[in-house]
Protein backbone atom coordinates (compact mmCIF):
# COMPACT_ATOMS: atom_id res chain seq x y z
CA MET A 1 4.27 121.42 140.20
CA LEU A 2 4.22 123.94 142.63
CA SER A 3 3.92 127.00 140.87
CA LEU A 4 4.65 130.64 142.23
CA LEU A 5 3.39 133.47 140.26
CA PHE A 6 4.86 136.99 140.64
CA THR A 7 3.43 140.30 139.31
CA ASN A 8 4.54 143.67 139.98
CA PRO A 9 2.29 146.16 139.22
CA ASP A 10 3.48 149.41 140.98
CA LEU A 11 7.57 150.08 140.22
CA LYS A 12 8.83 153.33 141.19
CA PRO A 13 11.43 154.96 139.72
CA PHE A 14 14.62 155.84 141.75
CA PRO A 15 15.28 159.41 142.74
CA PRO A 16 17.48 161.74 140.67
CA PRO A 17 21.57 160.21 141.41
CA GLY A 18 22.83 161.68 144.66
CA ARG A 19 19.97 161.35 146.80
CA CYS A 20 19.53 158.51 149.19
CA PRO A 21 16.20 158.15 151.31
CA ALA A 22 16.10 157.62 154.59
CA LYS A 23 13.79 154.51 154.14
CA LEU A 24 12.64 152.71 150.85
CA ALA A 25 9.09 151.50 150.67
CA ILE A 26 8.88 148.23 149.16
CA LEU A 27 4.79 147.84 149.11
CA ALA A 28 2.35 150.31 150.27
CA GLY A 29 0.80 148.31 153.31
CA LEU A 30 3.48 146.11 153.46
CA GLY A 31 6.10 147.91 155.40
CA THR A 32 9.18 149.56 154.85
CA LEU A 33 13.02 148.79 154.76
CA PHE A 34 15.71 151.14 156.17
CA LEU A 35 19.12 151.63 154.09
CA ALA A 36 22.04 153.45 155.15
CA CYS A 37 23.42 155.57 152.55
CA GLY A 38 27.49 154.87 151.59
CA ALA A 39 29.85 154.50 148.76
CA LEU A 40 30.76 150.72 148.92
CA ALA A 41 32.40 148.70 146.76
CA ALA A 42 29.95 145.87 145.23
CA PRO A 43 30.76 142.64 146.25
CA PRO A 44 31.47 139.64 143.76
CA ASN A 45 28.56 138.02 142.38
CA PHE A 46 27.15 134.56 141.80
CA VAL A 47 26.05 134.35 137.77
CA GLN A 48 25.12 130.69 136.84
CA SER A 49 25.80 127.43 137.73
CA ASN A 50 25.47 123.93 136.18
CA SER A 51 26.80 120.52 137.13
CA SER A 52 27.20 116.35 135.41
CA THR A 53 26.65 113.58 137.67
CA PRO A 54 26.57 110.34 135.88
CA SER A 55 25.99 106.97 137.60
CA THR A 56 28.31 104.68 135.60
CA PRO A 57 32.66 105.51 135.76
CA GLN A 58 33.62 107.79 132.91
CA SER A 59 36.84 108.81 131.04
CA GLN A 60 35.51 112.25 130.33
CA VAL A 61 32.57 114.47 131.43
CA THR A 62 30.82 117.24 129.64
CA VAL A 63 28.82 120.14 131.47
CA PRO A 64 27.65 123.61 129.70
CA PHE A 65 27.19 126.89 130.85
CA GLU A 66 23.60 127.02 130.02
CA SER A 67 23.59 130.93 130.23
CA SER A 68 25.53 133.66 128.47
CA GLN A 69 29.17 134.33 129.72
CA THR A 70 30.41 137.69 130.46
CA VAL A 71 34.18 138.80 129.34
CA GLY A 72 36.26 138.97 132.38
CA ASN A 73 34.78 136.49 134.75
CA LEU A 74 35.71 133.89 136.78
CA ASN A 75 34.59 130.36 135.86
CA VAL A 76 35.10 127.86 138.85
CA VAL A 77 34.88 123.89 138.34
CA VAL A 78 34.78 121.20 140.84
CA VAL A 79 35.14 117.80 140.65
CA GLY A 80 34.89 115.03 142.76
CA TRP A 81 34.95 111.05 142.13
CA ASN A 82 35.08 108.06 143.70
CA ASP A 83 38.46 106.51 143.75
CA ALA A 84 41.78 107.13 144.68
CA SER A 85 43.72 106.32 141.44
CA ALA A 86 41.89 107.84 138.64
CA GLN A 87 43.51 111.85 138.17
CA VAL A 88 42.63 114.43 136.40
CA LEU A 89 44.34 114.65 132.74
CA SER A 90 42.71 117.58 131.15
CA LEU A 91 40.47 120.40 131.97
CA THR A 92 39.70 122.24 128.63
CA ASP A 93 36.32 124.58 127.50
CA SER A 94 35.08 125.92 123.72
CA GLU A 95 35.87 129.06 124.35
CA GLY A 96 39.70 128.02 125.35
CA ASN A 97 39.69 129.70 128.82
CA ILE A 98 42.98 128.19 130.80
CA TYR A 99 42.12 126.58 133.46
CA GLN A 100 44.35 126.38 136.53
CA LEU A 101 44.27 124.01 139.72
CA ALA A 102 42.76 126.11 142.74
CA VAL A 103 43.47 123.32 145.34
CA GLY A 104 43.29 119.23 145.13
CA PRO A 105 43.57 117.01 144.28
CA THR A 106 42.66 116.02 147.87
CA VAL A 107 42.51 112.05 148.09
CA LEU A 108 40.68 109.92 151.06
CA THR A 109 42.26 106.48 150.18
CA ASP A 110 40.56 104.73 152.93
CA SER A 111 37.24 102.16 152.20
CA PRO A 112 35.58 104.25 150.52
CA ALA A 113 37.77 106.34 148.01
CA LEU A 114 37.30 109.39 147.22
CA SER A 115 38.66 112.87 145.51
CA GLN A 116 38.45 116.47 144.66
CA SER A 117 39.85 119.10 143.22
CA ILE A 118 39.07 122.58 142.37
CA TYR A 119 39.97 124.38 138.99
CA TYR A 120 39.55 127.95 137.84
CA ALA A 121 39.65 129.86 134.97
CA LYS A 122 40.55 133.85 135.12
CA ASN A 123 39.26 136.95 133.12
CA ILE A 124 37.32 134.39 130.72
CA SER A 125 36.28 135.06 126.92
CA ALA A 126 32.40 136.27 126.84
CA ALA A 127 30.36 133.30 124.93
CA THR A 128 27.24 132.83 124.05
CA ALA A 129 23.91 130.92 125.92
CA GLY A 130 25.20 127.22 125.52
CA ALA A 131 27.91 128.29 123.28
CA ASN A 132 30.71 126.77 126.48
CA THR A 133 30.99 123.55 127.13
CA VAL A 134 33.52 122.35 129.69
CA THR A 135 35.15 118.92 129.28
CA LEU A 136 37.11 116.95 131.74
CA THR A 137 38.92 113.85 131.00
CA PHE A 138 40.65 111.78 133.39
CA THR A 139 43.48 109.04 133.23
CA LYS A 140 41.14 106.21 133.66
CA ALA A 141 37.29 105.46 133.76
CA ALA A 142 36.29 107.46 137.23
CA GLY A 143 33.83 106.54 139.46
CA TYR A 144 30.49 108.28 140.28
CA PRO A 145 32.19 111.74 138.61
CA ASP A 146 30.56 114.89 140.00
CA VAL A 147 31.48 117.74 137.89
CA ARG A 148 29.84 121.38 139.18
CA ILE A 149 30.61 124.69 136.92
CA MET A 150 30.32 128.40 138.34
CA GLU A 151 30.73 131.04 136.63
CA TYR A 152 31.16 134.63 138.89
CA SER A 153 31.47 138.10 137.96
CA GLY A 154 33.32 140.61 140.21
CA ILE A 155 36.59 139.04 140.41
CA ASP A 156 40.20 140.18 140.03
CA PRO A 157 40.97 139.06 136.53
CA VAL A 158 44.45 139.07 137.01
CA THR A 159 45.43 137.40 140.29
CA PRO A 160 42.24 135.83 141.90
CA VAL A 161 43.22 133.59 144.11
CA ASP A 162 43.83 134.62 147.71
CA VAL A 163 44.46 131.50 149.68
CA VAL A 164 43.10 127.64 149.75
CA VAL A 165 42.55 124.35 152.28
CA GLY A 166 41.08 120.99 151.84
CA ALA A 167 40.33 119.08 154.55
CA THR A 168 39.21 115.27 155.13
CA GLY A 169 37.01 113.63 157.52
CA ASN A 170 34.32 111.00 158.72
CA SER A 171 31.62 112.88 160.62
CA VAL A 172 28.18 114.23 159.89
CA THR A 173 29.22 117.60 159.35
CA SER A 174 31.93 118.05 156.38
CA GLY A 175 34.41 120.99 156.90
CA SER A 176 37.21 122.70 154.75
CA GLY A 177 39.63 123.36 157.67
CA ALA A 178 40.79 127.10 158.34
CA VAL A 179 42.73 128.88 156.87
CA ILE A 180 43.68 133.00 157.14
CA THR A 181 42.82 135.55 154.18
CA LYS A 182 45.17 137.96 152.98
CA ASN A 183 42.59 140.38 150.98
CA ALA A 184 39.39 141.87 152.81
CA LEU A 185 37.20 141.58 150.28
CA ASP A 186 36.93 137.80 149.02
CA LEU A 187 34.89 135.25 147.59
CA LEU A 188 34.95 132.48 149.47
CA VAL A 189 33.69 128.86 147.68
CA GLY A 190 33.17 126.08 149.50
CA ALA A 191 32.73 122.44 147.94
CA ASN A 192 32.38 118.71 149.11
CA ILE A 193 32.27 115.47 147.71
CA ILE A 194 30.31 112.66 150.46
CA TRP A 195 29.50 108.92 151.10
CA THR A 196 25.95 110.10 151.99
CA VAL A 197 23.80 113.22 151.12
CA THR A 198 24.61 116.97 151.95
CA GLY A 199 21.76 118.44 153.83
CA SER A 200 22.30 122.04 153.83
CA PRO A 201 25.29 124.57 153.60
CA GLY A 202 26.83 126.00 156.22
CA SER A 203 26.51 128.86 158.48
CA GLY A 204 26.81 132.63 156.95
CA PHE A 205 27.60 130.19 153.15
CA ILE A 206 24.51 130.58 150.25
CA GLN A 207 23.92 127.23 147.93
CA ARG A 208 24.81 127.24 144.96
CA MET A 209 23.49 123.16 144.46
CA ILE A 210 23.31 119.96 146.08
CA THR A 211 23.71 117.93 143.18
CA SER A 212 22.04 114.60 142.89
CA ASP A 213 24.73 112.60 144.06
CA GLY A 214 24.20 114.58 147.40
CA ASP A 215 27.27 117.02 146.46
CA ILE A 216 27.45 120.83 147.57
CA VAL A 217 28.86 123.98 146.14
CA GLU A 218 28.48 127.15 148.60
CA ASP A 219 29.72 130.68 148.51
CA ARG A 220 29.52 133.55 151.14
CA VAL A 221 31.21 137.61 150.75
CA VAL A 222 33.78 137.79 153.40
CA THR A 223 35.01 141.97 153.87
CA ALA A 224 37.49 141.59 156.53
CA VAL A 225 41.08 140.00 156.76
CA GLY A 226 40.48 136.58 158.88
CA SER A 227 40.62 133.02 159.69
CA TYR A 228 37.77 131.42 157.52
CA SER A 229 36.40 127.85 156.53
CA ALA A 230 33.75 126.31 154.80
CA SER A 231 31.47 123.69 156.21
CA ALA A 232 28.62 121.76 155.01
CA ASN A 233 25.79 119.47 157.28
CA LEU A 234 25.08 116.15 155.91
CA ASN A 235 22.51 114.31 156.53
CA THR A 236 24.01 111.08 158.10
CA SER A 237 27.99 110.55 159.36
CA GLY A 238 29.94 109.43 156.54
CA ALA A 239 33.25 109.92 155.17
CA TRP A 240 33.34 113.46 153.24
CA ILE A 241 36.16 115.57 151.43
CA MET A 242 35.89 119.58 151.66
CA GLN A 243 37.64 122.27 150.01
CA MET A 244 37.38 126.00 150.17
CA VAL A 245 39.39 128.63 147.51
CA ALA A 246 39.10 132.43 148.52
CA PHE A 247 39.00 134.53 145.44
CA ARG A 248 40.15 137.88 145.47
CA ALA A 249 37.51 140.72 144.36
CA ALA A 250 38.13 142.94 141.80
CA GLY A 251 39.92 146.30 142.45
CA SER A 252 41.69 144.50 145.12
CA PRO A 253 45.05 146.15 146.12
CA ALA A 254 47.73 144.25 143.80
CA SER A 255 49.81 140.81 145.57
CA THR A 256 53.02 142.09 146.70
CA PRO A 257 55.19 141.53 144.30
CA SER A 258 58.03 138.09 145.69
CA PRO A 259 61.38 139.78 145.55
CA THR A 260 63.96 137.91 142.96
CA ALA A 261 67.37 137.27 145.02
CA THR A 262 70.21 137.60 141.92
CA PRO A 263 72.54 134.66 142.42
CA THR A 264 76.00 134.42 141.39
CA PRO A 265 75.91 133.28 137.26
CA THR A 266 76.93 130.10 136.54
CA PRO A 267 78.49 129.11 133.27
CA THR A 268 76.31 125.84 132.97
CA PRO A 269 73.29 124.83 135.51
CA VAL A 270 74.20 123.42 138.48
CA ALA A 271 73.32 118.95 138.75
CA LEU A 272 70.47 118.54 141.03
CA ALA A 273 71.48 117.52 144.38
CA TYR A 274 70.36 117.09 147.65
CA VAL A 275 72.40 119.90 150.35
CA GLN A 276 71.29 119.38 153.66
CA GLY A 277 68.29 119.05 156.13
CA ASN A 278 67.11 120.03 159.60
CA ASN A 279 64.05 120.07 161.38
CA ALA A 280 62.62 120.78 165.21
CA THR A 281 60.07 119.00 166.99
CA PRO A 282 58.78 120.69 170.30
CA GLN A 283 56.85 118.64 172.68
CA SER A 284 55.00 121.44 174.16
CA PRO A 285 52.09 123.96 172.24
CA LEU A 286 53.90 126.27 170.35
CA ALA A 287 52.55 129.45 168.12
CA SER A 288 56.05 130.15 166.89
CA VAL A 289 59.05 127.40 165.56
CA THR A 290 62.39 128.12 164.07
CA VAL A 291 65.06 125.63 162.82
CA PRO A 292 68.25 126.90 161.48
CA TYR A 293 70.13 125.83 158.11
CA THR A 294 73.58 124.40 159.59
CA ILE A 295 75.78 124.75 156.56
CA ALA A 296 76.13 127.54 154.11
CA GLN A 297 73.62 127.74 151.48
CA GLY A 298 74.55 128.47 147.83
CA ALA A 299 72.78 131.49 145.66
CA GLY A 300 70.01 130.08 143.41
CA ASP A 301 69.05 127.09 145.32
CA LEU A 302 65.84 126.03 146.42
CA ASN A 303 64.68 125.84 150.22
CA VAL A 304 61.79 123.31 150.94
CA VAL A 305 59.78 124.00 154.22
CA ILE A 306 57.25 121.17 156.14
CA VAL A 307 55.11 121.98 158.97
CA GLY A 308 53.11 119.19 160.08
CA TRP A 309 51.47 119.18 163.57
CA ASN A 310 48.76 117.88 166.17
CA GLY A 311 45.36 119.37 165.14
CA SER A 312 42.97 120.63 162.58
CA THR A 313 42.24 124.21 164.18
CA SER A 314 45.61 126.41 164.28
CA GLN A 315 46.95 127.75 160.96
CA VAL A 316 50.10 128.75 159.52
CA SER A 317 49.90 132.80 159.27
CA SER A 318 53.51 133.34 158.02
CA VAL A 319 56.95 131.13 156.57
CA ALA A 320 59.73 133.11 156.96
CA ASP A 321 63.70 132.90 156.63
CA SER A 322 66.81 135.62 157.85
CA LYS A 323 67.75 136.18 154.83
CA GLY A 324 64.38 137.28 153.49
CA ASN A 325 63.31 134.77 150.90
CA VAL A 326 60.04 134.48 149.94
CA TYR A 327 58.06 131.31 151.11
CA GLN A 328 55.39 130.39 148.62
CA LEU A 329 52.92 127.51 149.00
CA ALA A 330 53.50 123.67 147.04
CA VAL A 331 50.46 122.01 148.75
CA GLY A 332 47.80 121.94 151.15
CA PRO A 333 47.03 123.04 154.08
CA THR A 334 45.74 119.19 154.41
CA VAL A 335 43.96 118.52 157.22
CA LEU A 336 42.60 115.41 159.28
CA THR A 337 39.61 116.34 160.93
CA GLY A 338 39.85 113.23 163.24
CA PRO A 339 40.45 112.02 165.78
CA PRO A 340 42.92 112.49 165.96
CA ALA A 341 43.72 115.49 164.12
CA PHE A 342 46.73 116.21 161.80
CA SER A 343 47.50 119.31 159.52
CA GLN A 344 50.21 119.44 156.95
CA SER A 345 51.81 121.70 154.42
CA ILE A 346 54.94 122.10 152.02
CA TYR A 347 56.20 125.43 150.87
CA TYR A 348 59.35 126.39 148.84
CA ALA A 349 61.52 129.30 148.46
CA LYS A 350 63.29 129.92 145.31
CA ASN A 351 66.24 131.32 144.17
CA VAL A 352 67.74 131.64 147.58
CA LEU A 353 70.04 134.04 148.98
CA PRO A 354 73.46 132.82 149.82
CA ALA A 355 73.93 132.52 153.51
CA ALA A 356 76.78 131.20 155.93
CA ALA A 357 76.83 128.63 158.00
CA GLY A 358 73.67 128.78 160.83
CA ALA A 359 73.22 132.13 159.43
CA ASN A 360 69.67 131.53 158.00
CA VAL A 361 66.72 130.88 160.69
CA VAL A 362 63.62 129.47 159.32
CA THR A 363 60.35 130.75 161.11
CA VAL A 364 56.85 129.41 160.71
CA ASN A 365 54.36 131.46 162.59
CA LEU A 366 51.12 130.22 163.06
CA ASN A 367 47.42 131.66 164.52
CA ALA A 368 47.56 129.66 167.42
CA ALA A 369 49.73 127.39 169.57
CA ALA A 370 49.73 124.17 168.09
CA ASN A 371 50.70 120.38 169.53
CA TYR A 372 53.63 118.42 168.26
CA VAL A 373 54.65 121.08 165.72
CA ASP A 374 56.96 118.90 163.11
CA LEU A 375 59.12 121.19 161.20
CA ARG A 376 61.26 120.05 158.84
CA ILE A 377 63.71 122.02 156.06
CA VAL A 378 65.72 121.07 153.27
CA GLU A 379 67.78 122.48 150.65
CA TYR A 380 68.46 121.48 147.03
CA CYS A 381 70.37 122.73 144.17
CA GLY A 382 70.28 122.30 140.41
CA VAL A 383 66.50 123.19 140.46
CA ASP A 384 64.88 125.76 138.04
CA GLN A 385 65.29 129.36 139.81
CA VAL A 386 62.17 130.51 137.49
CA SER A 387 59.65 128.20 137.55
CA PRO A 388 60.56 125.35 139.96
CA LEU A 389 57.19 123.81 141.16
CA GLU A 390 55.27 121.63 138.54
CA VAL A 391 52.77 119.29 140.16
CA SER A 392 51.77 118.73 143.86
CA ALA A 393 49.54 115.69 145.47
CA ALA A 394 47.88 115.22 149.01
CA ALA A 395 45.99 112.32 150.33
CA THR A 396 45.24 111.07 153.93
CA GLY A 397 44.02 107.89 155.25
CA SER A 398 44.52 105.52 157.99
CA SER A 399 47.01 101.96 157.08
CA ALA A 400 50.08 101.21 157.54
CA THR A 401 51.53 102.69 154.73
CA THR A 402 51.05 106.54 153.56
CA SER A 403 50.49 107.36 149.94
CA SER A 404 50.51 110.91 148.95
CA GLY A 405 48.02 110.14 145.83
CA THR A 406 48.93 110.03 142.28
CA LEU A 407 50.66 113.04 140.68
CA ILE A 408 51.15 113.32 136.50
CA THR A 409 54.47 115.11 136.03
CA LYS A 410 54.84 116.93 132.42
CA ASN A 411 58.62 117.65 132.97
CA ALA A 412 60.76 115.04 132.14
CA THR A 413 63.32 115.53 134.42
CA ASP A 414 62.09 116.15 138.09
CA LEU A 415 62.38 116.02 141.75
CA LEU A 416 60.03 114.65 143.86
CA VAL A 417 59.67 115.23 147.30
CA GLY A 418 57.42 113.57 149.49
CA ALA A 419 56.76 113.73 153.18
CA ASN A 420 54.03 112.90 155.93
CA THR A 421 52.43 113.44 159.51
CA VAL A 422 51.52 110.21 161.19
CA TRP A 423 50.17 108.93 164.46
CA THR A 424 52.34 105.71 164.71
CA SER A 425 55.72 106.45 163.37
CA THR A 426 57.52 106.24 160.17
CA THR A 427 60.06 103.21 159.23
CA GLY A 428 61.37 104.21 156.34
CA PRO A 429 61.23 105.69 152.77
CA GLY A 430 58.94 104.35 149.63
CA ALA A 431 60.40 102.12 146.83
CA GLY A 432 62.86 104.41 144.81
CA PHE A 433 62.95 106.91 147.08
CA THR A 434 66.12 108.38 149.62
CA GLN A 435 65.14 109.22 153.09
CA ARG A 436 66.57 112.67 153.99
CA LEU A 437 64.91 113.24 157.42
CA LEU A 438 62.98 111.00 159.79
CA THR A 439 62.10 113.34 162.83
CA ASN A 440 61.61 112.00 166.44
CA ASP A 441 57.87 112.31 165.87
CA GLY A 442 58.48 109.87 162.87
CA ASP A 443 57.27 111.84 160.28
CA ILE A 444 59.59 111.74 157.24
CA VAL A 445 60.74 113.59 154.17
CA GLU A 446 62.35 111.44 151.42
CA ASP A 447 63.17 112.98 147.62
CA ARG A 448 63.82 110.53 144.41
CA THR A 449 64.35 112.41 140.98
CA LEU A 450 62.43 111.03 137.50
CA THR A 451 64.25 111.17 134.56
CA ALA A 452 60.27 110.68 132.56
CA ALA A 453 57.00 112.44 132.52
CA GLY A 454 55.01 109.96 133.78
CA SER A 455 52.37 109.02 136.91
CA TYR A 456 53.91 108.90 140.03
CA SER A 457 53.42 109.12 143.61
CA ALA A 458 55.50 109.03 147.29
CA ALA A 459 54.55 106.22 149.92
CA ALA A 460 56.29 104.92 153.03
CA PRO A 461 55.85 102.34 155.42
CA LEU A 462 54.62 102.74 158.90
CA SER A 463 55.31 100.64 162.25
CA SER A 464 51.77 99.89 162.70
CA ALA A 465 48.86 100.95 161.18
CA GLY A 466 47.14 104.33 162.27
CA PRO A 467 46.14 107.54 160.80
CA TRP A 468 48.13 110.05 158.57
CA ILE A 469 48.74 112.59 156.05
CA ALA A 470 51.14 112.37 152.77
CA GLN A 471 51.73 114.70 150.19
CA ALA A 472 54.37 115.38 147.29
CA ALA A 473 55.75 118.02 145.13
CA THR A 474 57.85 117.74 142.31
CA PHE A 475 60.46 120.33 141.40
CA ARG A 476 61.91 121.09 137.63
CA THR A 477 65.22 120.73 137.36
CA ALA A 478 67.73 123.34 136.30
CA SER A 479 68.29 121.77 132.93
CA SER A 480 64.89 121.50 132.20
CA ALA A 481 63.28 123.14 128.89
CA ALA A 482 61.43 126.50 129.62
CA PRO A 483 57.50 125.54 130.52
CA THR A 484 55.63 126.11 127.78
CA PRO A 485 53.86 129.41 128.10
CA THR A 486 50.31 129.42 128.93
CA PRO A 487 48.17 130.07 125.73
CA THR A 488 45.84 133.29 125.67
CA PRO A 489 42.07 131.83 124.85
CA THR A 490 40.56 132.63 121.46
CA GLY A 491 38.01 134.59 121.21
CA PRO A 492 37.42 138.26 122.03
CA PRO A 493 40.15 140.71 122.92
CA LYS A 494 40.09 140.21 127.03
CA THR A 495 39.21 143.91 128.69
CA THR A 496 40.05 144.62 132.34
CA PRO A 497 36.62 144.07 133.64
CA THR A 498 35.86 147.32 136.27
CA PRO A 499 34.28 146.60 139.54
CA ILE A 500 30.80 146.63 139.53
CA PRO A 501 29.74 149.73 141.62
CA THR A 502 27.08 149.63 144.23
CA ALA A 503 23.94 151.49 142.77
CA THR A 504 22.29 153.98 145.45
CA PRO A 505 18.74 151.87 146.00
CA THR A 506 15.48 153.84 146.71
CA THR A 507 13.10 150.94 145.08
CA THR A 508 13.18 147.81 144.85
CA PRO A 509 10.95 144.93 143.00
CA THR A 510 7.62 144.51 144.51
CA LEU A 511 6.14 140.94 143.82
CA THR A 512 2.21 140.35 144.30
CA PRO A 513 2.21 136.70 144.77
CA THR A 514 -0.44 134.57 143.73
CA PRO A 515 -1.68 131.97 146.08
CA THR A 516 -1.16 128.30 144.92
CA PRO A 517 -2.21 124.83 146.60
CA THR A 518 0.19 122.98 148.27
CA PRO A 519 2.24 120.48 145.76
CA THR A 520 2.65 117.13 145.26
CA PRO A 521 6.29 115.70 145.77
CA ILE A 522 7.80 114.41 142.10
CA THR A 523 9.27 110.82 143.63
CA THR A 524 12.66 109.76 142.40
CA PRO A 525 12.28 106.41 140.73
CA THR A 526 13.70 103.91 142.31
CA PRO A 527 17.41 103.27 141.07
CA GLY A 528 18.26 99.97 139.44
CA SER A 529 20.31 97.12 140.62
CA THR A 530 23.49 98.99 140.10
CA PRO A 531 24.58 100.43 143.85
CA SER A 532 25.04 104.09 143.92
CA THR A 533 27.52 105.10 146.36
CA SER A 534 26.39 108.94 146.56
CA PRO A 535 22.40 107.91 146.04
CA ALA A 536 20.00 110.44 144.26
CA PRO A 537 17.32 112.26 146.96
CA PRO A 538 14.46 110.16 147.74
CA SER A 539 11.92 113.06 146.41
CA SER A 540 12.26 116.51 145.25
CA VAL A 541 9.60 119.11 144.61
CA SER A 542 9.65 121.60 141.43
CA LEU A 543 9.34 124.99 141.86
CA SER A 544 8.40 128.09 139.07
CA TRP A 545 7.22 131.40 139.12
CA SER A 546 6.30 134.29 136.60
CA ALA A 547 9.68 136.42 135.44
CA GLU A 548 9.46 140.29 136.92
CA THR A 549 8.09 143.00 133.54
CA ALA A 550 10.60 144.77 133.06
CA THR A 551 10.29 148.56 133.04
CA THR A 552 11.91 151.48 131.26
CA ASN A 553 14.49 151.90 133.96
CA PRO A 554 16.98 149.22 134.76
CA ALA A 555 17.89 149.99 137.74
CA THR A 556 14.27 148.88 138.99
CA ASN A 557 14.19 145.67 137.75
CA ALA A 558 14.40 142.23 139.15
CA VAL A 559 17.50 140.19 137.90
CA GLY A 560 17.51 137.57 140.45
CA TYR A 561 15.58 135.60 142.70
CA LYS A 562 16.25 133.75 146.32
CA LEU A 563 14.62 130.50 147.52
CA SER A 564 14.04 130.36 151.48
CA THR A 565 13.49 127.14 152.97
CA GLY A 566 12.62 125.76 155.91
CA PHE A 567 10.95 123.26 158.22
CA SER A 568 8.21 125.29 159.85
CA SER A 569 5.93 128.00 158.47
CA GLY A 570 7.61 130.97 158.75
CA ASN A 571 10.63 129.64 159.39
CA TYR A 572 13.40 129.72 157.05
CA THR A 573 16.82 128.17 157.86
CA GLN A 574 18.02 127.84 154.33
CA VAL A 575 18.77 130.97 151.57
CA THR A 576 19.82 129.95 148.36
CA ASP A 577 20.34 132.63 145.37
CA LEU A 578 18.80 130.97 142.25
CA GLY A 579 20.24 133.60 139.88
CA ASN A 580 17.77 134.92 137.12
CA ALA A 581 16.75 131.30 136.86
CA THR A 582 12.61 131.29 137.32
CA SER A 583 12.14 127.30 138.39
CA VAL A 584 13.82 124.74 140.70
CA THR A 585 13.76 121.34 141.73
CA ILE A 586 14.54 120.76 145.52
CA PRO A 587 16.07 117.32 147.05
CA MET A 588 14.03 116.45 149.56
CA GLN A 589 15.92 114.75 151.27
CA LYS A 590 14.12 114.83 155.06
CA SER A 591 11.42 111.73 154.98
CA GLY A 592 8.48 112.65 156.38
CA SER A 593 9.53 116.29 157.20
CA THR A 594 7.79 119.28 155.45
CA TYR A 595 9.09 121.40 153.70
CA PHE A 596 7.86 125.35 153.23
CA PHE A 597 9.29 127.65 150.71
CA VAL A 598 8.98 131.68 149.55
CA VAL A 599 10.72 133.16 146.53
CA THR A 600 12.06 136.70 146.74
CA ALA A 601 13.21 138.84 144.06
CA TYR A 602 16.27 141.58 144.10
CA ASN A 603 17.19 144.09 142.10
CA ASN A 604 20.87 145.09 140.82
CA ALA A 605 21.95 146.87 143.99
CA GLY A 606 21.34 143.48 145.74
CA VAL A 607 17.62 144.85 147.46
CA SER A 608 15.26 142.08 147.80
CA GLY A 609 11.33 142.54 147.77
CA PRO A 610 8.69 140.81 149.98
CA SER A 611 8.23 136.88 149.83
CA SER A 612 6.17 135.41 147.75
CA ASN A 613 2.76 133.45 149.57
CA GLU A 614 4.92 130.43 151.45
CA VAL A 615 4.13 126.77 149.84
CA SER A 616 4.75 123.47 151.18
CA ALA A 617 5.55 120.41 150.59
CA LYS A 618 5.60 117.12 152.37
CA ALA A 619 8.47 113.93 151.66
CA PRO A 620 7.56 110.86 151.32
């Protein structure tokens, strides 16, 4: 056991409000920290995390929030598992918070098969330490489930999700693919599920956990609109899925509401039917592609837009049409990093305005010219005009058949739309589907009408085996019963949290470390005969330290600790925010390497004190 002991004998009070000294004394004789005065809104903050990684197939997994939870905060749940057939049936917690899907399920159908999704619960209820347990239920026992839970403060309690992205690949680095944020101040949460072991977070990200299965959760706060992605370094090359969700900070400008078209009233619901389709497949790189609806469009119909392209770096910056209909993302972007590399997304516009033949042109803009863009548009009538989208799924693979992965519908009568982007060529629709478009690039749009709730997927045969992306989305028909409103969680009344102000720091917790000897690594027991596809790290080291003694001035007290890790003395390449924990176990996956550690405390303004004494441990 490695013990880092901190004391703090000389805390000094903050100066009177309104004053900002030019420099902040950290510890006499050790140096000073120069600060700039300002009144910036505080960014979102990490609160706590936990995980559960059962090593046998499970149909249900539980994991508690071990510290107390604050009303109005955000819960994030990442779930990955080692197969392509099990699906998440339900996600709940003890406090009755409502979880929604942010991204996924993203499915890698190859051998090995992997699946992952990220969920969130906004504006949560308060809970005492250990009182709130998250329960995740699968449709069948899932292989090696890895469930990770996090809590964050300072997130928009009404519309938290800005944008999402997910990708798959087989390499020594996992990456979510890039996406363009729409909000200036965002929290980016990235997570992966991998076949090997994650070694470290991507550039600019803070590691929140690497589970015993080797899967990471990392985050960072960004302060400007732009193109962002999450990545993580693996110890060895292997298959992976990685996803990222951008959450809007509390106090962010309200999202622009989607305008609602006013269709001509009809006495009875229109029967579900395919109306028309069209496509454009330019053979040179383009950053903007257009395609018209060639026949007249009916008021209140549904437009569906599928856009795929060859590459993993370009991103869709906008989808619009001549009539001003508002397009929303149904599924994607799903990215296959290759080589070859592909990307695809499905968008939809509900309750569209009427248009004469050829008068409505769809335009898709990308942030950079993309190769072989394949833009497909279809129109349907008889779809729910208020809440049409029910569920969606996406998968990647390399085989002679594409498949979206399985989705579970809850509505009795749905329209299921499937589409792919392929390296070879699609030869026709899957069983039970009707082919609507098969483009010059060999990519399909197919659909079928479902008459009962259940488990479905969209498949299509190829001319020969090759890499592919497949997606599917289900849309509720106009005759469907109204969806059940999202219940309000039980417990204390919710209030909209006030964004956390940035304190004007004038002093910071001062740490006087007590030197400790070099630790002896704690060896992880050798696994039994059951093979582990996401092995536990070969060794680990446990670190602990004494909590700072609180003073009468809360602003000068330590509220959390950061662990810095490196592979040479004084050179730290990884910083992990541990929240208010005073102990941690770190996997040491680089055999024969010496790990170096220091700990720093920080106050409620985020200002860190000096580092503790450095300690080290060598992995066997």
